[in-house]
Amino acid sequence: MKITDSAKVFIENIMKVNEGKILRISQTSSGCCGPNVNFALDDAKIEDQVQIINDIQVVIEPETVTVLNNIILDLDEENLVILNEGSSCC
């Protein structure tokens, strides 16, 4: 997973408002174009393994790790967007 510099600034601003929260990524289900990924700000748990991606604290749930190989978080105008470099969705 990658977080672009513009997405980093966007996420950092949200994290400032929500002090003490980290970015948590999990898989919620699977659809016709692959798994659905959930992004949320959450409190860190003792058992979490926090990763640093472009200076952002991220917890990736174990079942989601392989899904995120081709994911890029980016900013499109003022919206956070998820890009999938390996998507074969129709």
C-alpha atoms as a PDB file:
ATOM      1  CA  MET A   1       0.000   0.000   0.000  1.00  0.00           C
ATOM      2  CA  LYS A   2       1.112   3.511  -0.776  1.00  0.00           C
ATOM      3  CA  ILE A   3      -0.088   6.876   0.507  1.00  0.00           C
ATOM      4  CA  THR A   4       0.691   9.785  -1.800  1.00  0.00           C
ATOM      5  CA  ASP A   5       2.028  13.029  -0.359  1.00  0.00           C
ATOM      6  CA  SER A   6      -1.245  14.864  -1.065  1.00  0.00           C
ATOM      7  CA  ALA A   7      -3.265  12.106   0.646  1.00  0.00           C
ATOM      8  CA  LYS A   8      -0.800  12.229   3.548  1.00  0.00           C
ATOM      9  CA  VAL A   9      -1.541  15.923   4.155  1.00  0.00           C
ATOM     10  CA  PHE A  10      -5.295  15.253   3.982  1.00  0.00           C
ATOM     11  CA  ILE A  11      -5.073  12.333   6.448  1.00  0.00           C
ATOM     12  CA  GLU A  12      -2.776  14.270   8.806  1.00  0.00           C
ATOM     13  CA  ASN A  13      -5.322  17.105   8.988  1.00  0.00           C
ATOM     14  CA  ILE A  14      -8.098  14.660   9.867  1.00  0.00           C
ATOM     15  CA  MET A  15      -5.874  12.979  12.455  1.00  0.00           C
ATOM     16  CA  LYS A  16      -5.146  16.349  14.104  1.00  0.00           C
ATOM     17  CA  VAL A  17      -8.875  16.875  14.638  1.00  0.00           C
ATOM     18  CA  ASN A  18      -9.175  13.306  15.960  1.00  0.00           C
ATOM     19  CA  GLU A  19      -6.175  13.349  18.289  1.00  0.00           C
ATOM     20  CA  GLY A  20      -4.836   9.971  19.325  1.00  0.00           C
ATOM     21  CA  LYS A  21      -6.492   8.064  16.480  1.00  0.00           C
ATOM     22  CA  ILE A  22      -4.735   5.888  13.922  1.00  0.00           C
ATOM     23  CA  LEU A  23      -5.769   4.812  10.441  1.00  0.00           C
ATOM     24  CA  ARG A  24      -7.207   1.276  10.573  1.00  0.00           C
ATOM     25  CA  ILE A  25      -7.668  -0.735   7.402  1.00  0.00           C
ATOM     26  CA  SER A  26      -9.766  -3.887   7.278  1.00  0.00           C
ATOM     27  CA  GLN A  27     -11.566  -6.033   4.748  1.00  0.00           C
ATOM     28  CA  THR A  28     -15.349  -5.959   5.079  1.00  0.00           C
ATOM     29  CA  SER A  29     -16.453  -8.336   2.305  1.00  0.00           C
ATOM     30  CA  SER A  30     -15.748  -9.331  -1.258  1.00  0.00           C
ATOM     31  CA  GLY A  31     -17.595  -8.078  -4.312  1.00  0.00           C
ATOM     32  CA  CYS A  32     -17.499  -8.766  -8.052  1.00  0.00           C
ATOM     33  CA  CYS A  33     -14.376  -6.617  -8.420  1.00  0.00           C
ATOM     34  CA  GLY A  34     -12.576  -8.064  -5.444  1.00  0.00           C
ATOM     35  CA  PRO A  35     -12.498  -7.345  -1.722  1.00  0.00           C
ATOM     36  CA  ASN A  36     -14.121  -4.283  -0.176  1.00  0.00           C
ATOM     37  CA  VAL A  37     -11.697  -2.425   2.046  1.00  0.00           C
ATOM     38  CA  ASN A  38     -12.738  -0.298   5.015  1.00  0.00           C
ATOM     39  CA  PHE A  39     -10.708   2.714   6.182  1.00  0.00           C
ATOM     40  CA  ALA A  40     -11.429   4.227   9.599  1.00  0.00           C
ATOM     41  CA  LEU A  41      -9.839   6.348  12.297  1.00  0.00           C
ATOM     42  CA  ASP A  42      -9.712   4.304  15.453  1.00  0.00           C
ATOM     43  CA  ASP A  43      -7.971   3.960  18.801  1.00  0.00           C
ATOM     44  CA  ALA A  44      -4.864   1.795  18.807  1.00  0.00           C
ATOM     45  CA  LYS A  45      -5.216  -1.509  20.631  1.00  0.00           C
ATOM     46  CA  ILE A  46      -2.459  -3.197  22.585  1.00  0.00           C
ATOM     47  CA  GLU A  47      -2.301  -6.106  20.118  1.00  0.00           C
ATOM     48  CA  ASP A  48      -2.103  -3.851  17.041  1.00  0.00           C
ATOM     49  CA  GLN A  49       1.006  -3.884  14.923  1.00  0.00           C
ATOM     50  CA  VAL A  50       1.315  -0.287  13.811  1.00  0.00           C
ATOM     51  CA  GLN A  51       3.043   0.356  10.491  1.00  0.00           C
ATOM     52  CA  ILE A  52       4.297   3.693   9.260  1.00  0.00           C
ATOM     53  CA  ILE A  53       3.367   4.450   5.639  1.00  0.00           C
ATOM     54  CA  ASN A  54       4.557   7.855   4.415  1.00  0.00           C
ATOM     55  CA  ASP A  55       4.751   8.993   8.074  1.00  0.00           C
ATOM     56  CA  ILE A  56       1.121   7.951   8.781  1.00  0.00           C
ATOM     57  CA  GLN A  57       0.420   5.437  11.567  1.00  0.00           C
ATOM     58  CA  VAL A  58      -1.572   2.600  10.017  1.00  0.00           C
ATOM     59  CA  VAL A  59      -2.926  -0.660  11.380  1.00  0.00           C
ATOM     60  CA  ILE A  60      -3.697  -3.213   8.701  1.00  0.00           C
ATOM     61  CA  GLU A  61      -5.845  -6.123   9.817  1.00  0.00           C
ATOM     62  CA  PRO A  62      -4.047  -9.421   8.987  1.00  0.00           C
ATOM     63  CA  GLU A  63      -6.694 -10.657   6.521  1.00  0.00           C
ATOM     64  CA  THR A  64      -6.303  -7.445   4.506  1.00  0.00           C
ATOM     65  CA  VAL A  65      -2.530  -7.404   3.993  1.00  0.00           C
ATOM     66  CA  THR A  66      -2.465  -9.199   0.624  1.00  0.00           C
ATOM     67  CA  VAL A  67      -5.404  -7.146  -0.689  1.00  0.00           C
ATOM     68  CA  LEU A  68      -3.464  -3.909  -0.213  1.00  0.00           C
ATOM     69  CA  ASN A  69      -0.466  -4.778  -2.389  1.00  0.00           C
ATOM     70  CA  ASN A  70      -1.724  -2.655  -5.305  1.00  0.00           C
ATOM     71  CA  ILE A  71      -3.682  -0.008  -3.349  1.00  0.00           C
ATOM     72  CA  ILE A  72      -2.755   3.676  -3.465  1.00  0.00           C
ATOM     73  CA  LEU A  73      -4.465   6.308  -1.317  1.00  0.00           C
ATOM     74  CA  ASP A  74      -4.504   9.577  -3.223  1.00  0.00           C
ATOM     75  CA  LEU A  75      -6.310  12.896  -3.280  1.00  0.00           C
ATOM     76  CA  ASP A  76      -8.601  13.887  -6.159  1.00  0.00           C
ATOM     77  CA  GLU A  77      -9.522  17.545  -5.756  1.00  0.00           C
ATOM     78  CA  GLU A  78     -10.588  17.511  -2.078  1.00  0.00           C
ATOM     79  CA  ASN A  79     -11.595  13.842  -1.829  1.00  0.00           C
ATOM     80  CA  LEU A  80      -9.563  10.906  -0.625  1.00  0.00           C
ATOM     81  CA  VAL A  81      -9.633   8.216  -3.303  1.00  0.00           C
ATOM     82  CA  ILE A  82      -8.504   4.605  -3.445  1.00  0.00           C
ATOM     83  CA  LEU A  83      -6.671   3.546  -6.584  1.00  0.00           C
ATOM     84  CA  ASN A  84      -6.041  -0.093  -7.379  1.00  0.00           C
ATOM     85  CA  GLU A  85      -3.126  -0.572  -9.754  1.00  0.00           C
ATOM     86  CA  GLY A  86      -3.983  -4.236 -10.307  1.00  0.00           C
ATOM     87  CA  SER A  87      -7.754  -3.931 -10.729  1.00  0.00           C
ATOM     88  CA  SER A  88      -9.381  -6.003 -13.433  1.00  0.00           C
ATOM     89  CA  CYS A  89     -12.896  -4.847 -12.612  1.00  0.00           C
ATOM     90  CA  CYS A  90     -15.302  -4.613 -15.532  1.00  0.00           C
END
